[in-house]
Amino acid sequence: MANIKSAKKRIRVIDKKTARNRRVKNHLKAVLKNFEAAMAQGDFEEAKIKLALAEKKLMQAVSKGTLHKNTASRKVSRLTKRFNSEVK
């Protein structure tokens, strides 16, 4: 356990950031799972809506510092590529 006041504060700050990152990542997993479910059912109209939502949530995670922008872009690219290959 830290003895110095600033070290104690850093522990509190890190705990808050970790909790926020966990919430964001869990929410992202749920959104991506919804997209995958829509694709599995062949409901492309619903999948299109879920894809737009997934892209939005990924970019929000980038703005909060949870994900790197290239990681989010790569995920969006792969989801879009998969969606477009299935629709055709």
N, C-alpha and C. Protein backbone atom coordinates (compact mmCIF):
# COMPACT_ATOMS: atom_id res chain seq x y z
N MET A 1 0.85 -1.19 0.00
CA MET A 1 0.00 0.00 0.00
C MET A 1 0.89 1.24 0.00
N ALA A 2 0.45 2.23 -0.75
CA ALA A 2 1.23 3.46 -0.87
C ALA A 2 1.16 4.27 0.43
N ASN A 3 2.25 4.95 0.73
CA ASN A 3 2.30 5.82 1.90
C ASN A 3 2.23 7.29 1.53
N ILE A 4 2.71 7.62 0.35
CA ILE A 4 2.76 9.01 -0.09
C ILE A 4 1.39 9.43 -0.62
N LYS A 5 1.01 10.65 -0.30
CA LYS A 5 -0.32 11.16 -0.64
C LYS A 5 -0.57 11.12 -2.15
N SER A 6 0.40 11.52 -2.94
CA SER A 6 0.23 11.55 -4.40
C SER A 6 0.08 10.13 -4.96
N ALA A 7 0.77 9.18 -4.36
CA ALA A 7 0.67 7.80 -4.81
C ALA A 7 -0.71 7.24 -4.49
N LYS A 8 -1.26 7.62 -3.33
CA LYS A 8 -2.61 7.18 -2.97
C LYS A 8 -3.62 7.75 -3.96
N LYS A 9 -3.42 9.01 -4.34
CA LYS A 9 -4.33 9.64 -5.30
C LYS A 9 -4.24 8.94 -6.66
N ARG A 10 -3.03 8.61 -7.09
CA ARG A 10 -2.86 7.93 -8.38
C ARG A 10 -3.60 6.59 -8.37
N ILE A 11 -3.56 5.90 -7.24
CA ILE A 11 -4.27 4.62 -7.13
C ILE A 11 -5.77 4.84 -7.32
N ARG A 12 -6.31 5.89 -6.68
CA ARG A 12 -7.75 6.19 -6.83
C ARG A 12 -8.08 6.55 -8.28
N VAL A 13 -7.25 7.36 -8.91
CA VAL A 13 -7.48 7.79 -10.29
C VAL A 13 -7.44 6.59 -11.23
N ILE A 14 -6.45 5.72 -11.04
CA ILE A 14 -6.32 4.53 -11.88
C ILE A 14 -7.54 3.63 -11.72
N ASP A 15 -8.03 3.48 -10.49
CA ASP A 15 -9.22 2.66 -10.26
C ASP A 15 -10.42 3.21 -11.02
N LYS A 16 -10.58 4.53 -11.02
CA LYS A 16 -11.70 5.15 -11.75
C LYS A 16 -11.57 4.92 -13.25
N LYS A 17 -10.35 5.11 -13.77
CA LYS A 17 -10.13 4.93 -15.21
C LYS A 17 -10.35 3.48 -15.61
N THR A 18 -9.89 2.56 -14.77
CA THR A 18 -10.06 1.14 -15.06
C THR A 18 -11.54 0.78 -15.10
N ALA A 19 -12.30 1.30 -14.16
CA ALA A 19 -13.74 1.02 -14.13
C ALA A 19 -14.42 1.57 -15.36
N ARG A 20 -14.06 2.80 -15.78
CA ARG A 20 -14.66 3.39 -16.97
C ARG A 20 -14.30 2.59 -18.21
N ASN A 21 -13.03 2.19 -18.33
CA ASN A 21 -12.61 1.41 -19.49
C ASN A 21 -13.33 0.07 -19.54
N ARG A 22 -13.53 -0.56 -18.38
CA ARG A 22 -14.27 -1.83 -18.34
C ARG A 22 -15.70 -1.65 -18.83
N ARG A 23 -16.36 -0.58 -18.35
CA ARG A 23 -17.75 -0.31 -18.78
C ARG A 23 -17.82 -0.10 -20.28
N VAL A 24 -16.90 0.69 -20.81
CA VAL A 24 -16.90 0.98 -22.25
C VAL A 24 -16.66 -0.29 -23.05
N LYS A 25 -15.69 -1.10 -22.64
CA LYS A 25 -15.37 -2.32 -23.38
C LYS A 25 -16.49 -3.34 -23.30
N ASN A 26 -17.13 -3.46 -22.14
CA ASN A 26 -18.26 -4.38 -22.02
C ASN A 26 -19.42 -3.93 -22.90
N HIS A 27 -19.66 -2.63 -22.95
CA HIS A 27 -20.72 -2.11 -23.80
C HIS A 27 -20.39 -2.37 -25.28
N LEU A 28 -19.13 -2.19 -25.65
CA LEU A 28 -18.70 -2.47 -27.02
C LEU A 28 -18.91 -3.94 -27.38
N LYS A 29 -18.57 -4.82 -26.46
CA LYS A 29 -18.76 -6.25 -26.71
C LYS A 29 -20.23 -6.56 -26.97
N ALA A 30 -21.12 -5.94 -26.20
CA ALA A 30 -22.55 -6.16 -26.38
C ALA A 30 -23.02 -5.66 -27.74
N VAL A 31 -22.55 -4.49 -28.15
CA VAL A 31 -22.94 -3.91 -29.43
C VAL A 31 -22.45 -4.79 -30.58
N LEU A 32 -21.20 -5.25 -30.48
CA LEU A 32 -20.65 -6.11 -31.53
C LEU A 32 -21.37 -7.45 -31.57
N LYS A 33 -21.76 -7.96 -30.41
CA LYS A 33 -22.49 -9.22 -30.36
C LYS A 33 -23.86 -9.07 -31.03
N ASN A 34 -24.51 -7.92 -30.83
CA ASN A 34 -25.79 -7.66 -31.49
C ASN A 34 -25.63 -7.63 -33.00
N PHE A 35 -24.56 -7.03 -33.49
CA PHE A 35 -24.28 -7.01 -34.93
C PHE A 35 -24.09 -8.43 -35.45
N GLU A 36 -23.29 -9.21 -34.73
CA GLU A 36 -23.03 -10.60 -35.15
C GLU A 36 -24.32 -11.41 -35.18
N ALA A 37 -25.20 -11.20 -34.21
CA ALA A 37 -26.47 -11.92 -34.16
C ALA A 37 -27.34 -11.56 -35.36
N ALA A 38 -27.38 -10.29 -35.70
CA ALA A 38 -28.18 -9.85 -36.85
C ALA A 38 -27.62 -10.44 -38.15
N MET A 39 -26.30 -10.51 -38.24
CA MET A 39 -25.68 -11.10 -39.44
C MET A 39 -25.98 -12.60 -39.51
N ALA A 40 -25.93 -13.27 -38.37
CA ALA A 40 -26.18 -14.71 -38.35
C ALA A 40 -27.61 -15.04 -38.77
N GLN A 41 -28.55 -14.17 -38.40
CA GLN A 41 -29.95 -14.38 -38.77
C GLN A 41 -30.23 -13.99 -40.22
N GLY A 42 -29.31 -13.28 -40.84
CA GLY A 42 -29.51 -12.84 -42.21
C GLY A 42 -30.39 -11.60 -42.31
N ASP A 43 -30.58 -10.91 -41.20
CA ASP A 43 -31.39 -9.68 -41.17
C ASP A 43 -30.48 -8.51 -41.49
N PHE A 44 -30.33 -8.21 -42.79
CA PHE A 44 -29.34 -7.23 -43.22
C PHE A 44 -29.75 -5.80 -42.92
N GLU A 45 -31.05 -5.52 -42.86
CA GLU A 45 -31.49 -4.17 -42.51
C GLU A 45 -31.13 -3.88 -41.05
N GLU A 46 -31.39 -4.86 -40.19
CA GLU A 46 -31.04 -4.71 -38.78
C GLU A 46 -29.52 -4.65 -38.61
N ALA A 47 -28.81 -5.47 -39.38
CA ALA A 47 -27.35 -5.50 -39.30
C ALA A 47 -26.75 -4.16 -39.72
N LYS A 48 -27.37 -3.51 -40.71
CA LYS A 48 -26.89 -2.21 -41.17
C LYS A 48 -27.00 -1.17 -40.04
N ILE A 49 -28.12 -1.21 -39.32
CA ILE A 49 -28.33 -0.30 -38.18
C ILE A 49 -27.30 -0.61 -37.08
N LYS A 50 -27.11 -1.90 -36.81
CA LYS A 50 -26.17 -2.31 -35.76
C LYS A 50 -24.73 -1.96 -36.14
N LEU A 51 -24.42 -2.03 -37.44
CA LEU A 51 -23.08 -1.66 -37.89
C LEU A 51 -22.82 -0.18 -37.66
N ALA A 52 -23.80 0.65 -37.97
CA ALA A 52 -23.65 2.10 -37.74
C ALA A 52 -23.48 2.38 -36.25
N LEU A 53 -24.24 1.69 -35.41
CA LEU A 53 -24.12 1.87 -33.97
C LEU A 53 -22.76 1.40 -33.47
N ALA A 54 -22.28 0.29 -34.00
CA ALA A 54 -20.97 -0.23 -33.60
C ALA A 54 -19.87 0.75 -33.97
N GLU A 55 -19.96 1.33 -35.17
CA GLU A 55 -18.95 2.31 -35.58
C GLU A 55 -18.97 3.52 -34.66
N LYS A 56 -20.16 3.99 -34.33
CA LYS A 56 -20.30 5.13 -33.44
C LYS A 56 -19.68 4.85 -32.07
N LYS A 57 -20.00 3.68 -31.52
CA LYS A 57 -19.51 3.33 -30.19
C LYS A 57 -17.99 3.12 -30.19
N LEU A 58 -17.45 2.56 -31.26
CA LEU A 58 -16.00 2.39 -31.35
C LEU A 58 -15.30 3.74 -31.37
N MET A 59 -15.85 4.68 -32.12
CA MET A 59 -15.23 6.01 -32.19
C MET A 59 -15.39 6.77 -30.87
N GLN A 60 -16.47 6.51 -30.16
CA GLN A 60 -16.63 7.12 -28.83
C GLN A 60 -15.58 6.56 -27.87
N ALA A 61 -15.30 5.26 -27.98
CA ALA A 61 -14.27 4.65 -27.14
C ALA A 61 -12.91 5.26 -27.44
N VAL A 62 -12.67 5.59 -28.71
CA VAL A 62 -11.41 6.24 -29.08
C VAL A 62 -11.33 7.62 -28.43
N SER A 63 -12.42 8.36 -28.48
CA SER A 63 -12.41 9.72 -27.93
C SER A 63 -12.21 9.72 -26.42
N LYS A 64 -12.62 8.64 -25.75
CA LYS A 64 -12.44 8.54 -24.30
C LYS A 64 -11.07 7.98 -23.93
N GLY A 65 -10.31 7.54 -24.94
CA GLY A 65 -8.98 7.02 -24.66
C GLY A 65 -8.96 5.55 -24.31
N THR A 66 -10.07 4.87 -24.48
CA THR A 66 -10.13 3.45 -24.15
C THR A 66 -9.47 2.60 -25.23
N LEU A 67 -9.70 2.97 -26.49
CA LEU A 67 -9.10 2.26 -27.62
C LEU A 67 -8.23 3.21 -28.42
N HIS A 68 -7.25 2.65 -29.11
CA HIS A 68 -6.45 3.43 -30.05
C HIS A 68 -7.24 3.63 -31.32
N LYS A 69 -7.03 4.75 -31.99
CA LYS A 69 -7.84 5.05 -33.18
C LYS A 69 -7.62 4.05 -34.30
N ASN A 70 -6.41 3.53 -34.44
CA ASN A 70 -6.16 2.54 -35.49
C ASN A 70 -6.85 1.22 -35.19
N THR A 71 -6.94 0.87 -33.92
CA THR A 71 -7.63 -0.35 -33.52
C THR A 71 -9.10 -0.25 -33.87
N ALA A 72 -9.70 0.89 -33.54
CA ALA A 72 -11.12 1.09 -33.83
C ALA A 72 -11.36 1.10 -35.34
N SER A 73 -10.49 1.77 -36.08
CA SER A 73 -10.62 1.82 -37.54
C SER A 73 -10.51 0.44 -38.15
N ARG A 74 -9.59 -0.37 -37.63
CA ARG A 74 -9.42 -1.73 -38.13
C ARG A 74 -10.67 -2.57 -37.87
N LYS A 75 -11.25 -2.43 -36.67
CA LYS A 75 -12.47 -3.17 -36.34
C LYS A 75 -13.63 -2.74 -37.23
N VAL A 76 -13.78 -1.44 -37.44
CA VAL A 76 -14.86 -0.92 -38.30
C VAL A 76 -14.68 -1.44 -39.72
N SER A 77 -13.44 -1.42 -40.19
CA SER A 77 -13.15 -1.88 -41.53
C SER A 77 -13.52 -3.36 -41.70
N ARG A 78 -13.16 -4.16 -40.73
CA ARG A 78 -13.45 -5.60 -40.82
C ARG A 78 -14.95 -5.87 -40.75
N LEU A 79 -15.65 -5.15 -39.89
CA LEU A 79 -17.10 -5.32 -39.79
C LEU A 79 -17.78 -4.91 -41.09
N THR A 80 -17.37 -3.78 -41.64
CA THR A 80 -17.96 -3.28 -42.88
C THR A 80 -17.68 -4.23 -44.04
N LYS A 81 -16.46 -4.72 -44.09
CA LYS A 81 -16.07 -5.67 -45.14
C LYS A 81 -16.91 -6.94 -45.05
N ARG A 82 -17.11 -7.42 -43.84
CA ARG A 82 -17.93 -8.62 -43.64
C ARG A 82 -19.38 -8.38 -44.04
N PHE A 83 -19.90 -7.22 -43.63
CA PHE A 83 -21.29 -6.87 -43.96
C PHE A 83 -21.46 -6.79 -45.48
N ASN A 84 -20.55 -6.11 -46.16
CA ASN A 84 -20.66 -5.94 -47.61
C ASN A 84 -20.52 -7.25 -48.36
N SER A 85 -19.68 -8.16 -47.86
CA SER A 85 -19.52 -9.44 -48.55
C SER A 85 -20.76 -10.31 -48.39
N GLU A 86 -21.45 -10.19 -47.27
CA GLU A 86 -22.67 -10.99 -47.03
C GLU A 86 -23.85 -10.46 -47.81
N VAL A 87 -23.94 -9.14 -47.94
CA VAL A 87 -25.09 -8.53 -48.60
C VAL A 87 -25.11 -8.85 -50.08
N LYS A 88 -23.93 -8.92 -50.71
CA LYS A 88 -23.86 -9.15 -52.16
C LYS A 88 -24.23 -10.53 -52.54
